[in-house]
Protein backbone atom coordinates (compact mmCIF):
# COMPACT_ATOMS: atom_id res chain seq x y z
CA VAL A 1 -1.23 8.18 -18.98
CA LEU A 2 -2.73 4.77 -18.60
CA GLY A 3 -1.13 1.43 -19.16
CA GLU A 4 1.16 -1.25 -17.79
CA ASN A 5 4.46 -0.59 -15.88
CA ARG A 6 6.59 -0.86 -18.53
CA PRO A 7 9.32 1.63 -19.94
CA GLU A 8 7.09 3.45 -22.26
CA TRP A 9 5.01 4.80 -19.22
CA ALA A 10 8.13 5.72 -17.40
CA ILE A 11 9.21 7.90 -21.03
CA ALA A 12 5.73 9.36 -21.35
CA TYR A 13 5.64 10.89 -17.66
CA MET A 14 9.44 12.50 -17.91
CA ALA A 15 8.58 13.84 -21.36
CA ILE A 16 5.36 15.47 -19.93
CA HIS A 17 6.82 16.97 -16.86
CA ARG A 18 9.88 17.99 -19.57
CA ALA A 19 6.98 20.02 -22.07
CA GLY A 20 6.54 22.11 -18.99
CA ALA A 21 2.45 19.68 -18.65
CA VAL A 22 0.90 18.09 -15.98
CA VAL A 23 1.02 14.52 -15.71
CA VAL A 24 -2.59 12.80 -14.31
CA PRO A 25 -2.13 9.19 -13.91
CA LEU A 26 -4.88 6.75 -14.31
CA ASP A 27 -5.45 4.04 -12.12
CA SER A 28 -6.01 0.91 -14.50
CA LEU A 29 -8.78 -0.73 -12.60
CA LEU A 30 -10.76 2.54 -12.84
CA LYS A 31 -14.55 1.87 -14.39
CA ALA A 32 -15.68 4.27 -18.01
CA GLY A 33 -17.20 6.13 -15.73
CA GLU A 34 -14.50 6.93 -13.40
CA PHE A 35 -12.24 7.50 -16.17
CA ARG A 36 -14.97 10.29 -17.61
CA HIS A 37 -15.33 12.24 -14.07
CA ILE A 38 -11.38 12.23 -13.84
CA ILE A 39 -10.22 13.10 -17.47
CA GLY A 40 -13.09 15.83 -17.16
CA ASP A 41 -12.45 17.35 -14.00
CA ALA A 42 -8.51 17.69 -14.61
CA GLY A 43 -9.43 19.38 -18.10
CA VAL A 44 -6.89 16.58 -19.70
CA LYS A 45 -5.87 17.15 -23.38
CA ALA A 46 -4.16 14.70 -24.83
CA VAL A 47 -3.69 10.38 -22.52
CA ILE A 48 -0.62 8.58 -23.63
CA VAL A 49 -2.56 4.93 -23.25
CA SER A 50 -1.39 1.36 -24.00
CA SER A 51 -2.98 -0.97 -26.42
CA LYS A 52 -4.23 -3.11 -23.79
CA PHE A 53 -6.95 0.78 -22.50
CA VAL A 54 -7.22 2.45 -25.84
CA ALA A 55 -10.79 0.88 -25.88
CA ASP A 56 -11.60 2.25 -22.42
CA ILE A 57 -10.36 5.43 -23.61
CA LEU A 58 -12.39 5.47 -27.22
CA GLU A 59 -15.40 4.96 -24.93
CA VAL A 60 -15.08 8.22 -22.77
CA ARG A 61 -13.25 10.17 -25.43
CA ASP A 62 -15.98 12.70 -25.30
CA ALA A 63 -14.48 13.97 -21.74
CA ILE A 64 -11.02 14.65 -23.66
CA GLY A 65 -10.71 18.72 -24.09
CA GLU A 66 -10.20 19.78 -27.57
CA PRO A 67 -8.01 19.49 -29.58
CA THR A 68 -8.68 15.35 -29.15
CA THR A 69 -4.94 13.38 -28.65
CA ILE A 70 -4.87 10.21 -28.11
CA ILE A 71 -1.00 8.79 -28.22
CA CYS A 72 -0.83 4.72 -27.76
CA MET A 73 2.35 3.55 -26.80
CA ASP A 74 2.04 0.22 -29.34
CA ASP A 75 2.57 0.70 -32.69
CA GLU A 76 0.05 -1.63 -34.02
CA HIS A 77 -2.72 0.38 -32.55
CA ALA A 78 -2.12 3.43 -34.15
CA ASN A 79 -5.12 4.02 -36.03
CA SER A 80 -5.56 7.02 -38.09
CA ASP A 81 -9.04 6.71 -38.77
CA GLU A 82 -9.70 7.33 -34.97
CA ASN A 83 -6.80 9.80 -34.86
CA ILE A 84 -4.77 7.90 -32.27
CA LEU A 85 -0.73 8.09 -32.75
CA ALA A 86 1.38 5.55 -32.54
CA MET A 87 4.12 7.00 -29.47
CA SER A 88 7.15 5.77 -31.45
CA ALA A 89 5.66 8.37 -34.38
CA VAL A 90 6.02 11.32 -32.24
CA MET A 91 9.38 10.88 -30.29
CA SER A 92 12.02 12.26 -31.78
CA ASP A 93 15.93 12.54 -31.35
CA GLU A 94 15.83 16.14 -32.30
CA LEU A 95 15.83 18.60 -29.22
CA PRO A 96 13.96 21.99 -29.63
CA GLU A 97 15.29 25.24 -29.64
CA THR A 98 13.83 26.39 -26.67
CA TRP A 99 12.16 24.61 -23.81
CA PRO A 100 9.04 25.76 -21.96
CA GLU A 101 10.12 27.03 -18.14
CA VAL A 102 9.34 24.57 -15.55
CA THR A 103 10.01 25.77 -12.10
CA LEU A 104 10.15 24.13 -8.80
CA ASP A 105 6.56 25.45 -8.33
CA SER A 106 5.30 24.50 -11.46
CA LEU A 107 2.68 21.84 -11.24
CA ALA A 108 3.88 18.42 -11.95
CA ALA A 109 1.25 15.96 -11.21
CA ILE A 110 -2.66 15.74 -10.35
CA ILE A 111 -2.99 12.40 -8.68
CA TYR A 112 -6.84 11.22 -7.51
CA THR A 113 -7.13 9.58 -4.98
CA SER A 114 -8.48 5.63 -5.05
CA GLY A 115 -10.44 6.51 -2.34
CA THR A 116 -11.20 4.16 0.25
CA THR A 117 -14.02 5.95 1.55
CA GLY A 118 -15.86 6.53 -1.81
CA GLN A 119 -14.21 10.18 -2.63
CA SER A 120 -11.54 10.78 -4.87
CA LYS A 121 -9.85 14.14 -4.90
CA GLY A 122 -7.13 15.59 -7.33
CA VAL A 123 -4.02 16.09 -5.34
CA MET A 124 -1.58 18.55 -6.77
CA LEU A 125 2.02 17.93 -6.49
CA SER A 126 4.52 20.37 -7.66
CA GLN A 127 8.05 19.57 -8.75
CA MET A 128 9.39 20.51 -5.65
CA ASN A 129 7.19 18.44 -3.97
CA LEU A 130 8.66 15.45 -6.10
CA GLY A 131 11.89 16.35 -5.86
CA SER A 132 12.08 16.75 -2.24
CA ASP A 133 10.21 13.45 -1.31
CA ALA A 134 12.97 11.45 -4.08
CA ALA A 135 15.96 13.40 -2.26
CA GLY A 136 14.86 12.90 1.55
CA SER A 137 14.12 8.97 0.87
CA TYR A 138 17.46 9.30 -0.95
CA GLN A 139 19.23 10.18 2.12
CA THR A 140 17.83 7.68 4.17
CA ILE A 141 18.09 4.67 2.19
CA PHE A 142 21.40 3.91 0.63
CA PHE A 143 21.54 2.60 -2.97
CA GLY A 144 23.55 3.96 -5.91
CA ASP A 145 23.78 2.71 -9.66
CA ASN A 146 24.97 -0.89 -8.58
CA ASP A 147 21.17 -1.24 -8.28
CA ASN A 148 18.29 -2.87 -9.86
CA PHE A 149 14.79 -1.55 -8.77
CA LEU A 150 12.13 -4.34 -9.71
CA SER A 151 9.07 -2.50 -10.47
CA VAL A 152 5.95 -4.22 -8.71
CA LEU A 153 3.20 -1.79 -7.74
CA PRO A 154 1.03 0.13 -10.14
CA LEU A 155 3.08 3.22 -11.45
CA HIS A 156 -0.05 5.67 -11.01
CA HIS A 157 0.53 4.84 -7.18
CA THR A 158 2.37 7.14 -5.66
CA PHE A 159 3.79 5.21 -3.57
CA GLU A 160 5.40 3.35 -6.74
CA CYS A 161 6.02 6.72 -8.77
CA THR A 162 7.91 8.14 -6.25
CA GLY A 163 9.55 5.57 -4.51
CA GLY A 164 10.08 2.90 -7.45
CA PHE A 165 10.42 5.12 -10.17
CA LEU A 166 11.40 8.79 -9.57
CA LEU A 167 13.61 8.01 -6.54
CA ALA A 168 15.34 4.98 -8.73
CA VAL A 169 16.52 7.64 -11.33
CA TYR A 170 17.63 9.96 -8.83
CA GLY A 171 20.02 7.33 -7.19
CA SER A 172 21.23 6.56 -10.80
CA SER A 173 19.70 2.97 -10.56
CA THR A 174 18.36 0.29 -13.31
CA ILE A 175 14.57 -0.32 -13.38
CA THR A 176 13.13 -3.61 -13.87
CA TYR A 177 9.34 -3.82 -14.62
CA ALA A 178 7.35 -7.09 -12.94
CA ARG A 179 5.44 -9.16 -15.90
CA SER A 180 2.41 -9.15 -13.10
CA LEU A 181 2.18 -8.92 -9.39
CA LYS A 182 1.69 -12.99 -8.85
CA SER A 183 4.16 -13.87 -6.22
CA ARG A 184 5.17 -16.81 -8.85
CA ASP A 185 5.96 -14.44 -11.49
CA ILE A 186 7.73 -11.82 -9.14
CA ILE A 187 10.32 -14.54 -7.92
CA GLU A 188 11.16 -15.50 -11.48
CA ASP A 189 11.82 -11.88 -12.35
CA VAL A 190 14.04 -11.11 -9.22
CA LYS A 191 15.86 -14.69 -10.36
CA ASN A 192 16.14 -13.57 -14.37
CA THR A 193 17.21 -9.68 -13.07
CA ASN A 194 19.28 -9.93 -10.21
CA ALA A 195 16.69 -7.28 -8.88
CA THR A 196 18.31 -5.84 -5.28
CA ILE A 197 15.37 -3.47 -4.06
CA MET A 198 11.83 -4.13 -4.58
CA LEU A 199 8.58 -1.66 -2.98
CA GLY A 200 5.79 -3.53 -1.82
CA VAL A 201 2.51 -3.49 -0.23
CA PRO A 202 1.87 -5.75 3.27
CA LEU A 203 -0.39 -7.81 1.05
CA LEU A 204 2.50 -9.11 -1.40
CA PHE A 205 4.79 -9.49 0.90
CA GLU A 206 2.35 -12.14 3.36
CA LYS A 207 1.41 -14.15 -0.18
CA MET A 208 5.48 -14.16 -0.89
CA MET A 209 5.86 -15.18 2.71
CA GLU A 210 3.09 -17.48 2.49
CA GLY A 211 4.22 -19.29 -1.15
CA ILE A 212 7.68 -19.70 0.09
CA GLN A 213 6.03 -21.65 3.37
CA ARG A 214 4.31 -23.86 1.13
CA LYS A 215 7.29 -25.03 -0.46
CA LEU A 216 9.15 -25.37 2.49
CA ALA A 217 5.95 -27.53 3.83
CA GLN A 218 6.17 -30.12 0.96
CA GLN A 219 10.01 -30.77 1.82
CA PRO A 220 10.59 -33.97 3.48
CA ALA A 221 10.45 -34.75 7.24
CA THR A 222 14.54 -34.61 7.52
CA LYS A 223 14.86 -31.35 6.03
CA ARG A 224 11.77 -29.68 7.71
CA ALA A 225 13.37 -30.41 10.75
CA LEU A 226 16.55 -29.14 9.76
CA ILE A 227 15.06 -25.78 8.67
CA ALA A 228 13.03 -25.57 11.97
CA THR A 229 16.69 -25.87 13.71
CA LEU A 230 17.99 -23.07 11.78
CA PHE A 231 14.91 -20.94 13.11
CA GLY A 232 15.65 -21.50 16.10
CA ILE A 233 19.22 -20.71 16.04
CA GLU A 234 18.66 -17.74 14.06
CA LYS A 235 16.12 -16.62 16.85
CA LEU A 236 18.57 -17.10 19.71
CA GLY A 237 21.24 -15.07 17.78
CA ARG A 238 18.99 -12.25 17.18
CA LYS A 239 18.84 -12.37 21.47
CA VAL A 240 22.26 -12.05 21.85
CA GLY A 241 22.05 -8.77 19.05
CA LEU A 242 23.52 -11.58 16.42
CA LYS A 243 22.37 -11.27 12.66
CA LEU A 244 23.17 -14.89 11.33
CA GLY A 245 19.67 -15.53 9.04
CA GLY A 246 22.15 -14.38 5.79
CA LYS A 247 24.75 -17.12 6.15
CA LEU A 248 22.08 -19.59 7.38
CA PHE A 249 19.83 -19.21 4.28
CA HIS A 250 21.95 -18.37 1.97
CA SER A 251 21.41 -21.26 -0.08
CA LEU A 252 17.55 -21.59 0.70
CA ARG A 253 17.63 -18.08 -0.70
CA GLU A 254 19.35 -18.96 -3.92
CA LYS A 255 17.12 -22.01 -4.18
CA ALA A 256 14.02 -19.48 -4.00
CA GLY A 257 15.84 -17.40 -6.39
CA LEU A 258 15.69 -14.30 -4.25
CA ALA A 259 19.51 -14.39 -3.35
CA SER A 260 20.15 -10.74 -5.26
CA LEU A 261 17.77 -8.67 -3.30
CA ARG A 262 18.92 -6.69 -0.15
CA LEU A 263 15.80 -4.17 0.62
CA LEU A 264 12.68 -4.61 0.93
CA ILE A 265 10.49 -1.89 1.58
CA SER A 266 6.49 -1.56 2.79
CA GLY A 267 4.39 0.70 2.38
CA GLY A 268 0.57 1.81 1.70
CA ALA A 269 -0.72 0.34 4.98
CA ALA A 270 0.68 -1.73 8.55
CA LEU A 271 2.88 -4.29 7.98
CA PRO A 272 2.31 -7.24 10.66
CA PRO A 273 5.24 -7.35 12.76
CA HIS A 274 5.52 -11.41 12.25
CA VAL A 275 5.95 -10.60 8.10
CA ALA A 276 8.96 -8.16 8.87
CA GLU A 277 10.22 -10.67 11.14
CA TRP A 278 10.16 -13.73 8.79
CA PHE A 279 11.89 -12.31 5.58
CA ASN A 280 14.51 -10.89 8.27
CA SER A 281 15.00 -14.46 9.77
CA LEU A 282 15.78 -15.38 6.43
CA GLY A 283 18.47 -12.64 5.91
CA PHE A 284 16.14 -10.31 4.15
CA LEU A 285 15.98 -6.88 5.12
CA LEU A 286 12.32 -5.60 4.83
CA PHE A 287 10.91 -2.64 6.82
CA GLN A 288 8.24 0.29 6.26
CA GLY A 289 7.64 3.73 5.83
CA TYR A 290 4.70 6.19 6.16
CA GLY A 291 3.17 8.64 4.20
CA LEU A 292 0.52 9.44 1.99
CA THR A 293 0.00 10.27 -1.47
CA GLU A 294 -0.52 14.26 -0.24
CA THR A 295 2.70 14.12 1.14
CA SER A 296 4.38 13.21 -2.19
CA PRO A 297 4.37 10.33 -0.78
CA VAL A 298 6.95 9.47 2.26
CA THR A 299 7.24 11.24 5.24
CA ASN A 300 9.21 8.69 7.42
CA ILE A 301 11.06 5.27 7.42
CA ASN A 302 13.00 3.04 9.21
CA ARG A 303 16.15 3.94 9.54
CA LEU A 304 18.88 1.04 8.85
CA ASP A 305 20.38 0.88 12.07
CA CYS A 306 17.25 1.26 14.30
CA ILE A 307 14.59 -0.76 12.45
CA VAL A 308 11.69 -1.40 14.57
CA HIS A 309 8.89 -3.67 12.80
CA SER A 310 5.73 -2.04 14.53
CA SER A 311 7.08 1.33 13.86
CA VAL A 312 7.00 3.29 10.61
CA GLY A 313 10.21 5.03 11.50
CA GLN A 314 11.73 8.03 11.70
CA PRO A 315 11.05 11.34 9.84
CA LEU A 316 12.85 12.65 6.42
CA PRO A 317 15.61 14.73 6.89
CA ASN A 318 13.87 17.56 5.60
CA CYS A 319 10.58 16.72 7.41
CA GLU A 320 8.62 17.66 10.78
CA VAL A 321 6.31 15.27 12.73
CA LYS A 322 4.22 16.80 15.72
CA ILE A 323 1.43 14.54 17.47
CA ILE A 324 -1.77 17.12 18.44
CA ASP A 325 -4.96 16.13 20.40
CA VAL A 326 -3.46 13.91 22.52
CA VAL A 327 -5.82 11.09 23.91
CA ASP A 328 -4.84 8.86 26.37
CA GLY A 329 -1.02 8.72 24.57
CA HIS A 330 -2.58 9.11 20.93
CA GLY A 331 -3.32 12.13 18.65
CA GLU A 332 -3.72 12.91 15.59
CA ILE A 333 -0.40 12.76 12.80
CA CYS A 334 0.67 16.15 11.53
CA VAL A 335 3.77 16.65 9.09
CA ARG A 336 5.16 19.76 7.41
CA GLY A 337 7.81 19.84 4.85
CA PRO A 338 8.58 20.76 0.74
CA MET A 339 6.67 17.24 0.00
CA ILE A 340 2.97 18.64 1.37
CA MET A 341 0.96 19.02 -1.90
CA THR A 342 -0.28 22.21 -2.83
CA GLY A 343 -3.55 21.59 -2.02
CA TYR A 344 -6.72 19.94 -3.86
CA TYR A 345 -7.42 20.73 -7.33
CA LYS A 346 -10.56 22.85 -7.51
CA ASN A 347 -11.00 22.22 -4.03
CA GLU A 348 -9.57 25.13 -1.52
CA GLU A 349 -12.28 24.21 1.05
CA ALA A 350 -10.36 20.70 0.90
CA THR A 351 -7.28 22.12 1.01
CA ARG A 352 -7.75 24.57 4.27
CA GLU A 353 -9.12 21.39 6.39
CA VAL A 354 -6.11 18.84 5.77
CA ILE A 355 -3.54 22.38 5.66
CA ASP A 356 -3.43 24.66 8.77
CA GLU A 357 -2.02 28.36 8.23
CA GLU A 358 1.76 27.28 9.34
CA GLY A 359 1.77 24.84 6.53
CA TRP A 360 1.07 21.35 8.46
CA PHE A 361 -0.81 18.80 6.98
CA HIS A 362 -3.32 16.94 9.46
CA THR A 363 -2.77 13.51 8.04
CA GLY A 364 -6.25 11.97 9.76
CA ASP A 365 -4.39 9.07 11.29
CA ILE A 366 -3.52 8.78 15.05
CA GLY A 367 -0.05 7.51 16.36
CA TYR A 368 2.63 8.75 18.65
CA THR A 369 5.97 8.48 18.91
CA ASP A 370 8.89 7.49 20.92
CA GLU A 371 12.00 9.46 22.53
CA ILE A 372 14.07 9.31 19.24
CA ASP A 373 10.84 10.22 16.95
CA ARG A 374 9.86 6.75 15.84
CA LEU A 375 6.21 6.96 14.73
CA PHE A 376 3.81 4.23 15.14
CA ILE A 377 0.55 4.00 13.64
CA SER A 378 -2.62 3.30 15.84
CA GLY A 379 -4.92 3.74 13.09
CA ARG A 380 -6.99 6.73 10.76
CA LYS A 381 -9.23 9.01 12.69
CA LYS A 382 -12.13 9.03 10.91
CA ASN A 383 -12.11 5.02 11.92
CA VAL A 384 -12.14 5.33 15.24
CA ILE A 385 -14.87 3.90 17.41
CA VAL A 386 -16.16 5.14 20.30
CA THR A 387 -17.94 3.16 22.37
CA PRO A 388 -20.86 3.99 24.95
CA SER A 389 -18.08 4.37 27.66
CA GLY A 390 -16.58 7.01 25.91
CA LYS A 391 -13.85 4.35 25.16
CA ASN A 392 -11.57 4.76 21.71
CA VAL A 393 -11.69 1.77 19.81
CA TYR A 394 -8.96 1.78 16.93
CA PRO A 395 -9.82 -1.02 14.07
CA GLU A 396 -6.76 -1.35 12.75
CA GLU A 397 -5.41 -3.10 15.91
CA VAL A 398 -8.11 -5.49 16.53
CA GLU A 399 -7.73 -6.79 12.92
CA HIS A 400 -4.12 -6.85 13.76
CA HIS A 401 -4.77 -9.21 16.58
CA ILE A 402 -7.70 -11.29 14.58
CA ASN A 403 -5.09 -11.90 11.16
CA GLN A 404 -2.62 -13.18 13.29
CA SER A 405 -4.39 -16.51 12.95
CA PRO A 406 -3.70 -18.69 9.44
CA TYR A 407 -7.04 -19.91 9.23
CA VAL A 408 -8.01 -16.15 9.01
CA LEU A 409 -7.58 -14.45 5.15
CA GLU A 410 -8.48 -10.57 6.03
CA SER A 411 -10.66 -9.37 8.48
CA LEU A 412 -12.53 -5.84 8.98
CA VAL A 413 -13.68 -4.31 12.20
CA ILE A 414 -16.11 -1.02 12.53
CA GLY A 415 -18.71 0.04 14.31
CA ARG A 416 -22.35 -0.16 14.44
CA PRO A 417 -23.79 2.91 14.67
CA ILE A 418 -26.29 2.16 18.32
CA ALA A 419 -30.01 3.55 17.64
CA GLY A 420 -30.57 7.04 20.02
CA THR A 421 -26.82 7.69 20.87
CA THR A 422 -23.89 9.05 19.24
CA SER A 423 -21.88 5.61 20.87
CA GLU A 424 -20.91 2.14 18.60
CA ASP A 425 -20.58 -0.95 18.74
CA VAL A 426 -17.54 -2.61 18.12
CA TYR A 427 -18.60 -5.34 14.87
CA ALA A 428 -16.19 -7.47 13.25
CA MET A 429 -16.24 -9.39 9.80
CA VAL A 430 -13.51 -12.51 9.25
CA VAL A 431 -13.01 -14.38 6.09
CA PRO A 432 -11.51 -17.68 6.65
CA HIS A 433 -8.29 -18.59 4.53
CA TYR A 434 -9.51 -21.39 2.58
CA GLU A 435 -6.50 -21.82 0.97
CA TYR A 436 -5.29 -22.61 4.39
CA PHE A 437 -8.03 -24.71 4.99
CA ASP A 438 -7.23 -26.75 1.94
CA GLU A 439 -3.85 -27.23 2.49
CA GLN A 440 -4.25 -28.66 6.56
CA GLY A 441 -7.08 -30.93 4.77
CA THR A 442 -4.07 -32.50 2.71
CA GLU A 443 -2.15 -32.93 5.27
CA ARG A 444 -4.73 -34.55 7.64
CA GLY A 445 -6.16 -36.68 4.71
CA LYS A 446 -9.39 -35.13 5.04
CA GLU A 447 -11.96 -32.04 3.81
CA PHE A 448 -13.18 -29.23 6.13
CA THR A 449 -17.04 -29.20 5.72
CA THR A 450 -18.45 -25.45 5.87
CA GLU A 451 -19.31 -26.04 9.77
CA GLU A 452 -16.12 -26.78 11.09
CA ILE A 453 -14.17 -23.97 8.95
CA GLU A 454 -16.92 -21.51 11.14
CA LYS A 455 -16.19 -23.67 14.38
CA ILE A 456 -12.24 -22.99 13.97
CA VAL A 457 -13.11 -19.74 12.80
CA ARG A 458 -14.83 -18.67 15.59
CA ASP A 459 -12.50 -20.26 18.15
CA GLU A 460 -9.39 -18.37 16.27
CA VAL A 461 -11.33 -15.24 16.45
CA ARG A 462 -12.32 -15.77 20.19
CA ALA A 463 -9.03 -16.24 21.08
CA ALA A 464 -7.08 -13.74 19.51
CA ILE A 465 -9.78 -11.19 20.98
CA ASP A 466 -8.80 -12.73 24.92
CA ASN A 467 -5.51 -11.20 24.04
CA ILE A 468 -6.91 -7.32 24.41
CA ALA A 469 -8.93 -5.18 26.46
CA GLU A 470 -12.36 -6.40 26.74
CA TYR A 471 -13.67 -3.05 25.67
CA LYS A 472 -11.70 -3.24 22.34
CA ARG A 473 -13.63 -6.88 21.74
CA PRO A 474 -15.93 -7.24 19.20
CA LYS A 475 -19.37 -7.90 20.10
CA GLN A 476 -20.35 -9.71 17.42
CA PHE A 477 -19.02 -10.77 14.08
CA GLU A 478 -19.99 -12.38 11.08
CA ILE A 479 -18.18 -15.44 8.70
CA ARG A 480 -17.89 -14.00 5.20
CA SER A 481 -16.91 -15.95 2.27
CA GLU A 482 -16.18 -13.57 0.03
CA GLU A 483 -13.06 -11.49 -0.08
CA PHE A 484 -13.74 -7.51 0.87
CA GLU A 485 -13.75 -5.28 -1.70
CA LYS A 486 -10.30 -3.15 -2.28
CA THR A 487 -8.99 -0.50 -4.25
CA SER A 488 -6.32 -0.81 -6.77
CA THR A 489 -3.31 -0.86 -4.12
CA LYS A 490 -5.20 -3.36 -1.77
CA LYS A 491 -6.98 -1.41 0.52
CA ILE A 492 -10.26 -2.23 2.06
CA LYS A 493 -13.22 -0.30 0.86
CA ARG A 494 -14.46 0.44 4.39
CA PHE A 495 -17.22 2.82 3.15
CA LEU A 496 -18.65 -0.27 1.43
CA TYR A 497 -19.58 -1.93 4.82
CA LYS A 498 -21.64 0.46 6.92
CA GLN A 499 -23.52 -0.72 8.99
CA LYS A 500 -27.42 0.11 10.03
CA PRO A 501 -27.71 1.64 13.48
CA ILE A 502 -28.62 -1.13 15.94
CA SER A 503 -30.99 -1.02 18.76
CA VAL A 504 -30.26 -1.53 22.53
CA ASP A 505 -31.44 -4.90 22.95
CA GLU A 506 -29.33 -6.23 19.97
CA ASN A 507 -25.96 -4.79 21.72
CA GLY A 508 -27.19 -6.04 24.80
CA THR A 509 -25.47 -9.15 26.67
CA ASN A 510 -28.37 -11.10 26.10
CA GLY A 511 -29.14 -9.64 22.25
CA LYS A 512 -28.77 -11.62 18.93
CA ARG A 513 -25.38 -11.96 18.45
CA SER A 514 -24.29 -13.43 14.81
CA HIS A 515 -21.09 -15.30 16.62
C-alpha cells in the first residue's frame, strides 16, 4: 500500500487483512531502487497506490510478481492500457460466501524499517502482535467514541498505523486525516475538525511550539508581560501540586485553534522535557511512550496519574521489561510480550540475534528503570562511544544538552575512531537555527554575519557542555550550514556521518580542532 494519509489507505489496509493477505506499507519518500528492493523481497503480488505515486510503481513494475495487479485509489488514473484498476471498481457491497481463515497467528504485515543505520529489514507482525498492542495501549490511554484522532504521521510508520489508526478503530473513535505535516495546516485542521487526540514525533511538537511562541512574541508589550506573568503563576502552582494551565491559558488555546486537543502523544524519538513542560503549562497533556517497529510498536507509555517527562513511562499491562548487562546503572532494555514480532522476513539469523530462547526481545537501547518501573532511555547500544579512559558516552545525552540552546537547530554527536586503538573521540556536528537568528536580527534591527553566527553557536555549545562531565564533552565540533539527512520519521541517518580514524596527535589537547 502506497499513498498519502487518507481513508482509502485505511480501507485498503483492513481489506487486505480480511482477505487473509499480508500488508506491506511503503514509505512514499523512498526512491525507485528502494521500492524495487522491497517489492521484490516481499514477493508483492499487488499494489494499491494513490495517483500521486502511480508513476513510481510503473517504473518498478517488473519487480511485482505475477499476476501484475495495480489498483489506484483515484478513479481518474484507472487505465486499461496499463492494467491499472480503479479502487472503486473492485469494491463491492456483496459479501463473499466464504472468508479466508485468519487466525491470531496469521501474518498481518511486513514492515520494512526506514533504517538509520542503512540496513533495512522486513519486520513480520502477526494479527496477535498488532491486536495485543492496540489492546494494551487502550487499557492505558482512556478514550472512546467521542474522541477524534488527527492522523498526522505517515501511516506506513508503525507508530501511526497502530496508535493513530488501529487503536482509534479499537476504541470506536473518529479519524481525521491531516492535510500535511506543516504546523500551520495541522493547527487549522485541529480547529476545523475539533480533533481531541494527536500522535506525533518530537520535531513536530517542537515546530508547533516555536510557531505559537513566534505569534506570542509579535503581541504588544503589555500582552507579552501578561502572558509571562501567567506562565509564572502556572509554574508556582505546579510546585504546590496545582494544575492551573487549563484555566489560565484557555483563551490562548482557543485563539490558537487548539482548544479541542486533550491528548498529545509523542513517540519515535526522545521528547525534550522542556517541550512537554511548555505544552503542559498551556493546559495540554503531552507525554511520551516507547517502542520499536519490532514491538508493534508500543511497549511503554506514561500513565496519566504519574507522568514524568524525562521517562517513557511504565510497561503496558501485557508487556514485561527488564534491564540486562548493567554498567554504572545503565543496561540494555529487553521486552517480552504478545506484541513482539514473529521475526525478520527471510532472515532467521538476524531474528535469533535479537530474540532469545526465553522470548525476550533485545532492543539495542540502553536505559534504566525506577522503583515503580518507569523506563528511562539513555541511548542506543550501537551509538555508545567508548573513550580512551574506558568511559561510556551516550550521544543522545550530549545532543540533548546542546539542543537546549535556541540558537541550535539540531546536533549530532558521534565517535571518531582513534587510529591504532579500539577507542573513540567524542565529536559533535551542530546546525545553527538560522530562522531564530533572523528573528533576533529583526528585533535588534541588524543582520547577523556568518562569523557572528558561528561565534554565538560556539559559545552556546561550550556553555551547554560545561553542564556535563568532562569525559562526555566533544573534543572538537564543527558547524554545518545544512540540516542532517533524515528518515521519513525524522530521525537522523547517523550512518551517513561516520568519521574516519584520527591520529593520536589530532586527539591530543594541543592537536588540531575544528572549534
